[in-house]
Amino acid sequence: MNNVSLIGRLTRDPELRYTKGDDPKAVTRFTVAVNRRFNREKADFIGCQAWGKLAEIVAEYCTKGSQVGVVGRIETGQYDKDGKTVYTTDIVADEVEFVGKKE
């Protein structure tokens, strides 16, 4: 089972883009700062992405500082950069809930 649930604040405005090709799809990337459970002074910065209509909604209604709940799955990948392999880990969002007010 690959399920993730996060609550945190966006560290910057989401970035909306569209894939190339005959049937372009919306994709939004955003980063959520999640406080650690037992040490509130530390946070983890989790890269997230949303696709399709959800991507457009996140890009339209969320801004830096927005508190959101994200439900999705972990997806890993890799690519080569300057001859070195770079590994990535992102959350692919199935749901994004608007939680609380913007600070």
PDB file of N, CA and C in Angstrom:
ATOM      1  N   MET A   1       0.841  -1.169   0.000  1.00  0.00           N
ATOM      2  CA  MET A   1       0.000   0.000   0.000  1.00  0.00           C
ATOM      3  C   MET A   1       0.894   1.242   0.000  1.00  0.00           C
ATOM      4  N   ASN A   2       0.584   2.206  -0.831  1.00  0.00           N
ATOM      5  CA  ASN A   2       1.376   3.421  -0.980  1.00  0.00           C
ATOM      6  C   ASN A   2       0.455   4.613  -0.765  1.00  0.00           C
ATOM      7  N   ASN A   3       0.273   5.024   0.506  1.00  0.00           N
ATOM      8  CA  ASN A   3      -0.592   6.149   0.861  1.00  0.00           C
ATOM      9  C   ASN A   3       0.170   7.136   1.726  1.00  0.00           C
ATOM     10  N   VAL A   4      -0.037   8.420   1.449  1.00  0.00           N
ATOM     11  CA  VAL A   4       0.609   9.482   2.213  1.00  0.00           C
ATOM     12  C   VAL A   4      -0.436  10.533   2.550  1.00  0.00           C
ATOM     13  N   SER A   5      -0.402  11.036   3.792  1.00  0.00           N
ATOM     14  CA  SER A   5      -1.251  12.150   4.212  1.00  0.00           C
ATOM     15  C   SER A   5      -0.364  13.185   4.886  1.00  0.00           C
ATOM     16  N   LEU A   6      -0.457  14.432   4.435  1.00  0.00           N
ATOM     17  CA  LEU A   6       0.353  15.521   4.973  1.00  0.00           C
ATOM     18  C   LEU A   6      -0.517  16.725   5.269  1.00  0.00           C
ATOM     19  N   ILE A   7      -0.144  17.495   6.281  1.00  0.00           N
ATOM     20  CA  ILE A   7      -0.726  18.810   6.502  1.00  0.00           C
ATOM     21  C   ILE A   7       0.439  19.756   6.714  1.00  0.00           C
ATOM     22  N   GLY A   8       0.438  20.844   5.958  1.00  0.00           N
ATOM     23  CA  GLY A   8       1.506  21.824   6.079  1.00  0.00           C
ATOM     24  C   GLY A   8       1.190  23.068   5.277  1.00  0.00           C
ATOM     25  N   ARG A   9       2.193  23.930   5.148  1.00  0.00           N
ATOM     26  CA  ARG A   9       2.026  25.198   4.424  1.00  0.00           C
ATOM     27  C   ARG A   9       2.893  25.211   3.171  1.00  0.00           C
ATOM     28  N   LEU A  10       2.373  25.826   2.111  1.00  0.00           N
ATOM     29  CA  LEU A  10       3.134  25.961   0.877  1.00  0.00           C
ATOM     30  C   LEU A  10       4.303  26.917   1.090  1.00  0.00           C
ATOM     31  N   THR A  11       5.472  26.526   0.605  1.00  0.00           N
ATOM     32  CA  THR A  11       6.663  27.345   0.790  1.00  0.00           C
ATOM     33  C   THR A  11       6.811  28.413  -0.283  1.00  0.00           C
ATOM     34  N   ARG A  12       6.086  28.260  -1.397  1.00  0.00           N
ATOM     35  CA  ARG A  12       6.075  29.259  -2.470  1.00  0.00           C
ATOM     36  C   ARG A  12       4.817  29.034  -3.301  1.00  0.00           C
ATOM     37  N   ASP A  13       4.537  29.946  -4.204  1.00  0.00           N
ATOM     38  CA  ASP A  13       3.369  29.787  -5.064  1.00  0.00           C
ATOM     39  C   ASP A  13       3.534  28.557  -5.946  1.00  0.00           C
ATOM     40  N   PRO A  14       2.446  27.812  -6.186  1.00  0.00           N
ATOM     41  CA  PRO A  14       2.520  26.634  -7.051  1.00  0.00           C
ATOM     42  C   PRO A  14       2.880  27.028  -8.486  1.00  0.00           C
ATOM     43  N   GLU A  15       3.538  26.105  -9.191  1.00  0.00           N
ATOM     44  CA  GLU A  15       3.948  26.330 -10.580  1.00  0.00           C
ATOM     45  C   GLU A  15       3.097  25.454 -11.498  1.00  0.00           C
ATOM     46  N   LEU A  16       2.247  26.081 -12.306  1.00  0.00           N
ATOM     47  CA  LEU A  16       1.382  25.359 -13.240  1.00  0.00           C
ATOM     48  C   LEU A  16       2.038  25.310 -14.612  1.00  0.00           C
ATOM     49  N   ARG A  17       2.089  24.118 -15.182  1.00  0.00           N
ATOM     50  CA  ARG A  17       2.618  23.911 -16.536  1.00  0.00           C
ATOM     51  C   ARG A  17       1.718  22.920 -17.250  1.00  0.00           C
ATOM     52  N   TYR A  18       1.929  22.804 -18.551  1.00  0.00           N
ATOM     53  CA  TYR A  18       1.189  21.842 -19.356  1.00  0.00           C
ATOM     54  C   TYR A  18       2.174  20.968 -20.109  1.00  0.00           C
ATOM     55  N   THR A  19       1.862  19.682 -20.210  1.00  0.00           N
ATOM     56  CA  THR A  19       2.717  18.760 -20.954  1.00  0.00           C
ATOM     57  C   THR A  19       2.600  19.061 -22.438  1.00  0.00           C
ATOM     58  N   LYS A  20       3.597  18.637 -23.191  1.00  0.00           N
ATOM     59  CA  LYS A  20       3.578  18.834 -24.635  1.00  0.00           C
ATOM     60  C   LYS A  20       2.875  17.659 -25.293  1.00  0.00           C
ATOM     61  N   GLY A  21       2.455  17.849 -26.531  1.00  0.00           N
ATOM     62  CA  GLY A  21       1.842  16.750 -27.266  1.00  0.00           C
ATOM     63  C   GLY A  21       0.436  17.083 -27.726  1.00  0.00           C
ATOM     64  N   ASP A  22      -0.216  16.079 -28.285  1.00  0.00           N
ATOM     65  CA  ASP A  22      -1.558  16.262 -28.834  1.00  0.00           C
ATOM     66  C   ASP A  22      -2.616  16.482 -27.757  1.00  0.00           C
ATOM     67  N   ASP A  23      -2.410  15.910 -26.602  1.00  0.00           N
ATOM     68  CA  ASP A  23      -3.371  16.025 -25.506  1.00  0.00           C
ATOM     69  C   ASP A  23      -2.661  16.562 -24.262  1.00  0.00           C
ATOM     70  N   PRO A  24      -2.395  17.894 -24.211  1.00  0.00           N
ATOM     71  CA  PRO A  24      -1.637  18.433 -23.065  1.00  0.00           C
ATOM     72  C   PRO A  24      -2.391  18.271 -21.752  1.00  0.00           C
ATOM     73  N   LYS A  25      -1.657  17.957 -20.698  1.00  0.00           N
ATOM     74  CA  LYS A  25      -2.232  17.779 -19.370  1.00  0.00           C
ATOM     75  C   LYS A  25      -1.612  18.809 -18.424  1.00  0.00           C
ATOM     76  N   ALA A  26      -2.433  19.337 -17.536  1.00  0.00           N
ATOM     77  CA  ALA A  26      -1.964  20.297 -16.539  1.00  0.00           C
ATOM     78  C   ALA A  26      -1.205  19.563 -15.446  1.00  0.00           C
ATOM     79  N   VAL A  27      -0.095  20.150 -15.009  1.00  0.00           N
ATOM     80  CA  VAL A  27       0.656  19.625 -13.865  1.00  0.00           C
ATOM     81  C   VAL A  27       1.128  20.811 -13.032  1.00  0.00           C
ATOM     82  N   THR A  28       0.900  20.726 -11.740  1.00  0.00           N
ATOM     83  CA  THR A  28       1.327  21.771 -10.821  1.00  0.00           C
ATOM     84  C   THR A  28       2.287  21.163  -9.811  1.00  0.00           C
ATOM     85  N   ARG A  29       3.412  21.838  -9.617  1.00  0.00           N
ATOM     86  CA  ARG A  29       4.387  21.424  -8.605  1.00  0.00           C
ATOM     87  C   ARG A  29       4.346  22.429  -7.466  1.00  0.00           C
ATOM     88  N   PHE A  30       4.429  21.902  -6.245  1.00  0.00           N
ATOM     89  CA  PHE A  30       4.450  22.755  -5.070  1.00  0.00           C
ATOM     90  C   PHE A  30       5.173  22.030  -3.946  1.00  0.00           C
ATOM     91  N   THR A  31       5.664  22.794  -2.981  1.00  0.00           N
ATOM     92  CA  THR A  31       6.382  22.234  -1.843  1.00  0.00           C
ATOM     93  C   THR A  31       5.620  22.564  -0.572  1.00  0.00           C
ATOM     94  N   VAL A  32       5.455  21.557   0.278  1.00  0.00           N
ATOM     95  CA  VAL A  32       4.736  21.722   1.544  1.00  0.00           C
ATOM     96  C   VAL A  32       5.722  21.561   2.696  1.00  0.00           C
ATOM     97  N   ALA A  33       5.751  22.548   3.589  1.00  0.00           N
ATOM     98  CA  ALA A  33       6.564  22.472   4.805  1.00  0.00           C
ATOM     99  C   ALA A  33       5.713  21.808   5.887  1.00  0.00           C
ATOM    100  N   VAL A  34       6.179  20.667   6.387  1.00  0.00           N
ATOM    101  CA  VAL A  34       5.440  19.886   7.382  1.00  0.00           C
ATOM    102  C   VAL A  34       6.247  19.865   8.669  1.00  0.00           C
ATOM    103  N   ASN A  35       5.652  20.391   9.751  1.00  0.00           N
ATOM    104  CA  ASN A  35       6.335  20.372  11.042  1.00  0.00           C
ATOM    105  C   ASN A  35       6.485  18.945  11.533  1.00  0.00           C
ATOM    106  N   ARG A  36       7.584  18.679  12.189  1.00  0.00           N
ATOM    107  CA  ARG A  36       7.796  17.351  12.775  1.00  0.00           C
ATOM    108  C   ARG A  36       6.939  17.211  14.029  1.00  0.00           C
ATOM    109  N   ARG A  37       6.520  16.009  14.285  1.00  0.00           N
ATOM    110  CA  ARG A  37       5.566  15.758  15.368  1.00  0.00           C
ATOM    111  C   ARG A  37       6.105  16.102  16.750  1.00  0.00           C
ATOM    112  N   PHE A  38       7.317  15.701  17.054  1.00  0.00           N
ATOM    113  CA  PHE A  38       7.844  15.890  18.403  1.00  0.00           C
ATOM    114  C   PHE A  38       8.834  17.041  18.507  1.00  0.00           C
ATOM    115  N   ASN A  39       9.126  17.689  17.403  1.00  0.00           N
ATOM    116  CA  ASN A  39      10.032  18.835  17.419  1.00  0.00           C
ATOM    117  C   ASN A  39       9.486  19.878  16.461  1.00  0.00           C
ATOM    118  N   ARG A  40       8.596  20.716  16.938  1.00  0.00           N
ATOM    119  CA  ARG A  40       7.904  21.698  16.105  1.00  0.00           C
ATOM    120  C   ARG A  40       8.846  22.758  15.523  1.00  0.00           C
ATOM    121  N   GLU A  41      10.079  22.836  16.028  1.00  0.00           N
ATOM    122  CA  GLU A  41      11.028  23.810  15.504  1.00  0.00           C
ATOM    123  C   GLU A  41      11.652  23.350  14.185  1.00  0.00           C
ATOM    124  N   LYS A  42      11.481  22.081  13.846  1.00  0.00           N
ATOM    125  CA  LYS A  42      12.024  21.543  12.601  1.00  0.00           C
ATOM    126  C   LYS A  42      10.878  21.168  11.672  1.00  0.00           C
ATOM    127  N   ALA A  43      11.146  21.314  10.378  1.00  0.00           N
ATOM    128  CA  ALA A  43      10.135  20.965   9.379  1.00  0.00           C
ATOM    129  C   ALA A  43      10.798  20.181   8.254  1.00  0.00           C
ATOM    130  N   ASP A  44      10.000  19.391   7.583  1.00  0.00           N
ATOM    131  CA  ASP A  44      10.440  18.696   6.380  1.00  0.00           C
ATOM    132  C   ASP A  44       9.762  19.376   5.203  1.00  0.00           C
ATOM    133  N   PHE A  45      10.497  19.512   4.106  1.00  0.00           N
ATOM    134  CA  PHE A  45       9.990  20.175   2.917  1.00  0.00           C
ATOM    135  C   PHE A  45       9.736  19.106   1.865  1.00  0.00           C
ATOM    136  N   ILE A  46       8.457  18.868   1.592  1.00  0.00           N
ATOM    137  CA  ILE A  46       8.032  17.746   0.764  1.00  0.00           C
ATOM    138  C   ILE A  46       7.578  18.257  -0.602  1.00  0.00           C
ATOM    139  N   GLY A  47       8.221  17.767  -1.658  1.00  0.00           N
ATOM    140  CA  GLY A  47       7.827  18.113  -3.022  1.00  0.00           C
ATOM    141  C   GLY A  47       6.565  17.368  -3.413  1.00  0.00           C
ATOM    142  N   CYS A  48       5.606  18.088  -3.986  1.00  0.00           N
ATOM    143  CA  CYS A  48       4.337  17.499  -4.382  1.00  0.00           C
ATOM    144  C   CYS A  48       4.000  17.890  -5.809  1.00  0.00           C
ATOM    145  N   GLN A  49       3.152  17.100  -6.426  1.00  0.00           N
ATOM    146  CA  GLN A  49       2.641  17.437  -7.749  1.00  0.00           C
ATOM    147  C   GLN A  49       1.193  17.001  -7.852  1.00  0.00           C
ATOM    148  N   ALA A  50       0.423  17.780  -8.602  1.00  0.00           N
ATOM    149  CA  ALA A  50      -0.978  17.465  -8.869  1.00  0.00           C
ATOM    150  C   ALA A  50      -1.172  17.509 -10.378  1.00  0.00           C
ATOM    151  N   TRP A  51      -2.084  16.690 -10.873  1.00  0.00           N
ATOM    152  CA  TRP A  51      -2.312  16.571 -12.312  1.00  0.00           C
ATOM    153  C   TRP A  51      -3.757  16.890 -12.661  1.00  0.00           C
ATOM    154  N   GLY A  52      -3.986  17.301 -13.909  1.00  0.00           N
ATOM    155  CA  GLY A  52      -5.331  17.511 -14.436  1.00  0.00           C
ATOM    156  C   GLY A  52      -6.043  18.679 -13.787  1.00  0.00           C
ATOM    157  N   LYS A  53      -7.338  18.515 -13.562  1.00  0.00           N
ATOM    158  CA  LYS A  53      -8.169  19.572 -12.982  1.00  0.00           C
ATOM    159  C   LYS A  53      -7.685  19.955 -11.590  1.00  0.00           C
ATOM    160  N   LEU A  54      -7.229  18.970 -10.804  1.00  0.00           N
ATOM    161  CA  LEU A  54      -6.698  19.264  -9.476  1.00  0.00           C
ATOM    162  C   LEU A  54      -5.507  20.212  -9.572  1.00  0.00           C
ATOM    163  N   ALA A  55      -4.653  20.028 -10.566  1.00  0.00           N
ATOM    164  CA  ALA A  55      -3.495  20.907 -10.775  1.00  0.00           C
ATOM    165  C   ALA A  55      -3.943  22.345 -11.011  1.00  0.00           C
ATOM    166  N   GLU A  56      -4.964  22.519 -11.824  1.00  0.00           N
ATOM    167  CA  GLU A  56      -5.461  23.864 -12.124  1.00  0.00           C
ATOM    168  C   GLU A  56      -6.092  24.520 -10.897  1.00  0.00           C
ATOM    169  N   ILE A  57      -6.798  23.732 -10.093  1.00  0.00           N
ATOM    170  CA  ILE A  57      -7.415  24.262  -8.878  1.00  0.00           C
ATOM    171  C   ILE A  57      -6.359  24.694  -7.869  1.00  0.00           C
ATOM    172  N   VAL A  58      -5.346  23.857  -7.661  1.00  0.00           N
ATOM    173  CA  VAL A  58      -4.270  24.199  -6.720  1.00  0.00           C
ATOM    174  C   VAL A  58      -3.573  25.481  -7.173  1.00  0.00           C
ATOM    175  N   ALA A  59      -3.268  25.589  -8.458  1.00  0.00           N
ATOM    176  CA  ALA A  59      -2.571  26.771  -8.972  1.00  0.00           C
ATOM    177  C   ALA A  59      -3.415  28.032  -8.823  1.00  0.00           C
ATOM    178  N   GLU A  60      -4.727  27.896  -8.971  1.00  0.00           N
ATOM    179  CA  GLU A  60      -5.609  29.062  -8.909  1.00  0.00           C
ATOM    180  C   GLU A  60      -5.864  29.534  -7.483  1.00  0.00           C
ATOM    181  N   TYR A  61      -6.048  28.604  -6.551  1.00  0.00           N
ATOM    182  CA  TYR A  61      -6.510  28.973  -5.215  1.00  0.00           C
ATOM    183  C   TYR A  61      -5.450  28.941  -4.117  1.00  0.00           C
ATOM    184  N   CYS A  62      -4.308  28.326  -4.354  1.00  0.00           N
ATOM    185  CA  CYS A  62      -3.275  28.241  -3.322  1.00  0.00           C
ATOM    186  C   CYS A  62      -2.151  29.226  -3.619  1.00  0.00           C
ATOM    187  N   THR A  63      -1.606  29.801  -2.570  1.00  0.00           N
ATOM    188  CA  THR A  63      -0.466  30.696  -2.683  1.00  0.00           C
ATOM    189  C   THR A  63       0.511  30.370  -1.557  1.00  0.00           C
ATOM    190  N   LYS A  64       1.669  30.991  -1.625  1.00  0.00           N
ATOM    191  CA  LYS A  64       2.667  30.807  -0.575  1.00  0.00           C
ATOM    192  C   LYS A  64       2.022  31.068   0.789  1.00  0.00           C
ATOM    193  N   GLY A  65       2.229  30.146   1.728  1.00  0.00           N
ATOM    194  CA  GLY A  65       1.677  30.282   3.068  1.00  0.00           C
ATOM    195  C   GLY A  65       0.349  29.597   3.279  1.00  0.00           C
ATOM    196  N   SER A  66      -0.326  29.185   2.198  1.00  0.00           N
ATOM    197  CA  SER A  66      -1.600  28.483   2.334  1.00  0.00           C
ATOM    198  C   SER A  66      -1.396  27.169   3.080  1.00  0.00           C
ATOM    199  N   GLN A  67      -2.288  26.881   4.022  1.00  0.00           N
ATOM    200  CA  GLN A  67      -2.228  25.604   4.728  1.00  0.00           C
ATOM    201  C   GLN A  67      -3.095  24.608   3.974  1.00  0.00           C
ATOM    202  N   VAL A  68      -2.501  23.459   3.653  1.00  0.00           N
ATOM    203  CA  VAL A  68      -3.208  22.448   2.874  1.00  0.00           C
ATOM    204  C   VAL A  68      -3.010  21.067   3.492  1.00  0.00           C
ATOM    205  N   GLY A  69      -3.963  20.216   3.219  1.00  0.00           N
ATOM    206  CA  GLY A  69      -3.839  18.798   3.507  1.00  0.00           C
ATOM    207  C   GLY A  69      -3.694  18.087   2.175  1.00  0.00           C
ATOM    208  N   VAL A  70      -2.723  17.212   2.064  1.00  0.00           N
ATOM    209  CA  VAL A  70      -2.458  16.500   0.818  1.00  0.00           C
ATOM    210  C   VAL A  70      -2.574  15.004   1.075  1.00  0.00           C
ATOM    211  N   VAL A  71      -3.344  14.329   0.241  1.00  0.00           N
ATOM    212  CA  VAL A  71      -3.455  12.874   0.288  1.00  0.00           C
ATOM    213  C   VAL A  71      -3.014  12.364  -1.080  1.00  0.00           C
ATOM    214  N   GLY A  72      -2.102  11.405  -1.075  1.00  0.00           N
ATOM    215  CA  GLY A  72      -1.616  10.881  -2.343  1.00  0.00           C
ATOM    216  C   GLY A  72      -0.710   9.692  -2.142  1.00  0.00           C
ATOM    217  N   ARG A  73       0.264   9.576  -3.057  1.00  0.00           N
ATOM    218  CA  ARG A  73       1.185   8.442  -3.023  1.00  0.00           C
ATOM    219  C   ARG A  73       2.598   8.926  -3.289  1.00  0.00           C
ATOM    220  N   ILE A  74       3.572   8.174  -2.825  1.00  0.00           N
ATOM    221  CA  ILE A  74       4.974   8.481  -3.078  1.00  0.00           C
ATOM    222  C   ILE A  74       5.366   7.932  -4.444  1.00  0.00           C
ATOM    223  N   GLU A  75       6.082   8.750  -5.189  1.00  0.00           N
ATOM    224  CA  GLU A  75       6.600   8.314  -6.484  1.00  0.00           C
ATOM    225  C   GLU A  75       8.081   8.683  -6.550  1.00  0.00           C
ATOM    226  N   THR A  76       8.907   7.721  -6.880  1.00  0.00           N
ATOM    227  CA  THR A  76      10.340   7.970  -7.000  1.00  0.00           C
ATOM    228  C   THR A  76      10.738   7.956  -8.468  1.00  0.00           C
ATOM    229  N   GLY A  77      11.857   8.599  -8.745  1.00  0.00           N
ATOM    230  CA  GLY A  77      12.360   8.629 -10.115  1.00  0.00           C
ATOM    231  C   GLY A  77      13.842   8.944 -10.113  1.00  0.00           C
ATOM    232  N   GLN A  78      14.398   9.023 -11.295  1.00  0.00           N
ATOM    233  CA  GLN A  78      15.809   9.368 -11.422  1.00  0.00           C
ATOM    234  C   GLN A  78      16.050   9.958 -12.803  1.00  0.00           C
ATOM    235  N   TYR A  79      17.101  10.785 -12.883  1.00  0.00           N
ATOM    236  CA  TYR A  79      17.542  11.336 -14.158  1.00  0.00           C
ATOM    237  C   TYR A  79      19.036  11.629 -14.060  1.00  0.00           C
ATOM    238  N   ASP A  80      19.675  11.796 -15.201  1.00  0.00           N
ATOM    239  CA  ASP A  80      21.109  12.101 -15.238  1.00  0.00           C
ATOM    240  C   ASP A  80      21.316  13.591 -15.401  1.00  0.00           C
ATOM    241  N   LYS A  81      22.227  14.137 -14.605  1.00  0.00           N
ATOM    242  CA  LYS A  81      22.582  15.548 -14.693  1.00  0.00           C
ATOM    243  C   LYS A  81      24.096  15.655 -14.587  1.00  0.00           C
ATOM    244  N   ASP A  82      24.709  16.153 -15.634  1.00  0.00           N
ATOM    245  CA  ASP A  82      26.165  16.306 -15.670  1.00  0.00           C
ATOM    246  C   ASP A  82      26.882  14.991 -15.378  1.00  0.00           C
ATOM    247  N   GLY A  83      26.350  13.899 -15.899  1.00  0.00           N
ATOM    248  CA  GLY A  83      26.981  12.598 -15.727  1.00  0.00           C
ATOM    249  C   GLY A  83      26.718  11.919 -14.401  1.00  0.00           C
ATOM    250  N   LYS A  84      25.916  12.546 -13.546  1.00  0.00           N
ATOM    251  CA  LYS A  84      25.589  11.954 -12.253  1.00  0.00           C
ATOM    252  C   LYS A  84      24.103  11.639 -12.204  1.00  0.00           C
ATOM    253  N   THR A  85      23.759  10.560 -11.536  1.00  0.00           N
ATOM    254  CA  THR A  85      22.359  10.185 -11.383  1.00  0.00           C
ATOM    255  C   THR A  85      21.762  10.932 -10.203  1.00  0.00           C
ATOM    256  N   VAL A  86      20.637  11.605 -10.458  1.00  0.00           N
ATOM    257  CA  VAL A  86      19.911  12.328  -9.423  1.00  0.00           C
ATOM    258  C   VAL A  86      18.630  11.554  -9.141  1.00  0.00           C
ATOM    259  N   TYR A  87      18.381  11.252  -7.873  1.00  0.00           N
ATOM    260  CA  TYR A  87      17.189  10.524  -7.466  1.00  0.00           C
ATOM    261  C   TYR A  87      16.163  11.507  -6.909  1.00  0.00           C
ATOM    262  N   THR A  88      14.897  11.274  -7.236  1.00  0.00           N
ATOM    263  CA  THR A  88      13.837  12.165  -6.783  1.00  0.00           C
ATOM    264  C   THR A  88      12.762  11.384  -6.027  1.00  0.00           C
ATOM    265  N   THR A  89      12.113  12.075  -5.104  1.00  0.00           N
ATOM    266  CA  THR A  89      10.966  11.529  -4.382  1.00  0.00           C
ATOM    267  C   THR A  89       9.923  12.627  -4.298  1.00  0.00           C
ATOM    268  N   ASP A  90       8.726  12.366  -4.800  1.00  0.00           N
ATOM    269  CA  ASP A  90       7.638  13.335  -4.784  1.00  0.00           C
ATOM    270  C   ASP A  90       6.364  12.672  -4.299  1.00  0.00           C
ATOM    271  N   ILE A  91       5.447  13.496  -3.847  1.00  0.00           N
ATOM    272  CA  ILE A  91       4.102  13.047  -3.531  1.00  0.00           C
ATOM    273  C   ILE A  91       3.218  13.416  -4.719  1.00  0.00           C
ATOM    274  N   VAL A  92       2.539  12.439  -5.285  1.00  0.00           N
ATOM    275  CA  VAL A  92       1.562  12.694  -6.339  1.00  0.00           C
ATOM    276  C   VAL A  92       0.212  12.785  -5.640  1.00  0.00           C
ATOM    277  N   ALA A  93      -0.371  13.986  -5.676  1.00  0.00           N
ATOM    278  CA  ALA A  93      -1.596  14.255  -4.919  1.00  0.00           C
ATOM    279  C   ALA A  93      -2.829  13.698  -5.616  1.00  0.00           C
ATOM    280  N   ASP A  94      -3.647  13.005  -4.852  1.00  0.00           N
ATOM    281  CA  ASP A  94      -4.972  12.595  -5.303  1.00  0.00           C
ATOM    282  C   ASP A  94      -6.018  13.583  -4.799  1.00  0.00           C
ATOM    283  N   GLU A  95      -5.745  14.178  -3.640  1.00  0.00           N
ATOM    284  CA  GLU A  95      -6.633  15.160  -3.028  1.00  0.00           C
ATOM    285  C   GLU A  95      -5.795  16.273  -2.405  1.00  0.00           C
ATOM    286  N   VAL A  96      -6.276  17.501  -2.512  1.00  0.00           N
ATOM    287  CA  VAL A  96      -5.676  18.632  -1.809  1.00  0.00           C
ATOM    288  C   VAL A  96      -6.820  19.390  -1.153  1.00  0.00           C
ATOM    289  N   GLU A  97      -6.765  19.475   0.170  1.00  0.00           N
ATOM    290  CA  GLU A  97      -7.795  20.165   0.939  1.00  0.00           C
ATOM    291  C   GLU A  97      -7.238  21.487   1.448  1.00  0.00           C
ATOM    292  N   PHE A  98      -8.061  22.524   1.424  1.00  0.00           N
ATOM    293  CA  PHE A  98      -7.664  23.816   1.966  1.00  0.00           C
ATOM    294  C   PHE A  98      -7.990  23.803   3.449  1.00  0.00           C
ATOM    295  N   VAL A  99      -6.953  23.944   4.292  1.00  0.00           N
ATOM    296  CA  VAL A  99      -7.090  23.798   5.741  1.00  0.00           C
ATOM    297  C   VAL A  99      -6.689  25.112   6.401  1.00  0.00           C
ATOM    298  N   GLY A 100      -7.599  25.768   7.054  1.00  0.00           N
ATOM    299  CA  GLY A 100      -7.246  26.963   7.800  1.00  0.00           C
ATOM    300  C   GLY A 100      -6.985  28.165   6.933  1.00  0.00           C
ATOM    301  N   LYS A 101      -6.558  29.233   7.587  1.00  0.00           N
ATOM    302  CA  LYS A 101      -6.344  30.514   6.942  1.00  0.00           C
ATOM    303  C   LYS A 101      -4.889  30.706   6.565  1.00  0.00           C
ATOM    304  N   LYS A 102      -4.647  31.570   5.591  1.00  0.00           N
ATOM    305  CA  LYS A 102      -3.293  31.952   5.223  1.00  0.00           C
ATOM    306  C   LYS A 102      -2.743  32.867   6.306  1.00  0.00           C
ATOM    307  N   GLU A 103      -1.496  32.636   6.701  1.00  0.00           N
ATOM    308  CA  GLU A 103      -0.885  33.499   7.721  1.00  0.00           C
ATOM    309  C   GLU A 103      -0.442  34.802   7.122  1.00  0.00           C
TER     310      GLU A 103
END
